[in-house]
Amino acid sequence: MRDSRLLLFIAIGIGLAIGAISDVASHVQCGPPQPPSARVLLVDNSLNHPIFVPERQWRPLLGDVPLDVVHIPGGDEIPPVEDYTHVIISGSTASLVDPPDWVTVEVDLVNEAADRGLAMLGSCFGHQMLVYALSGSHFVQTATESEVGWIEVEMSSEDWLFEEAPNPWHAFAWHYDEVVDPPAPWLVLGHSSACPVHVIRYGNAPIWGLQSHPETNPFTAKLLLLLDKVFYDWGSQQICAALLQRPRDDRIIGSLMEQFIEGEP
């Protein structure tokens, strides 16, 4: 028991250290220029604070664009959606196949944001949440083949958001559920060898889903994998394989976020 507590304290310490580093990095203006009145709401779906804090990964990508965070699993009050121009929906260890109660609050947020014409981008759980909220729960199912590690995504259709990305591109992925046969107006833009629905767009609306985690750099990904292995999933062969994998990451997230914030030309 004492050893378990020591490991937990070490993990929390690592998480806090990463947070401090990320806070410094967030003041480095490496993100896109701020268009007039742009303001982003980050929907934080993490169940594992302080180890996984999505803000640490997304804030540095936004430069001087104002960002507010709402942690729905923690019971945060939803700010007025009309105060924002963009919404980013984070990943989570929660599953929409067996959704927790707080998911209903997020469904309402997504629908209101879509009705108001806000630009939205969902990553992993957030990708699935967009389809779950806008089209129905039965379009999110347990993955036929889960993905953990660095994967290749091939774009089958062009979209201006990805015009500066190579094809195919590589990024980190970690998911056990997936979107299946999304109905119109969803457009499937990209796939991997294991997941047919990796990149989607909601018709011509500024709403995109990415099953991968392009926002997660290789160092952070390796650390999260290690902590998961130690504390949550000792027997997972996929986690072990990903820890041993040599990362290949094209870091498309920089150009993607610039396009996302500036809007369609």
Foldseek 3Di string as FASTA:
>chain_A
DVVVVVVVVVLLVVLVVLVVVLVVLLQPQQAADFDPLAEEEEEFAEPDPPNDTVCSLPSSHHGPHHYDYADQVVPGDDDPLVSHQEYEYEDYPAALVDHDPSLVVVLVVLVVCVVVQHAYEYEAVGLLSNLCSPPHSVQKAFFPDWDAAKFWKAFPDDDPLCPVPDGTFIAGAGHGMAGHPRDPPKDQGIDTPRGSRAWIDHNPGNYIYGNGCLSDDPVSSLSVLVSCCVPPNVPDPNSVVNNVDDHDGPSSSRSSSNDSNVDDD
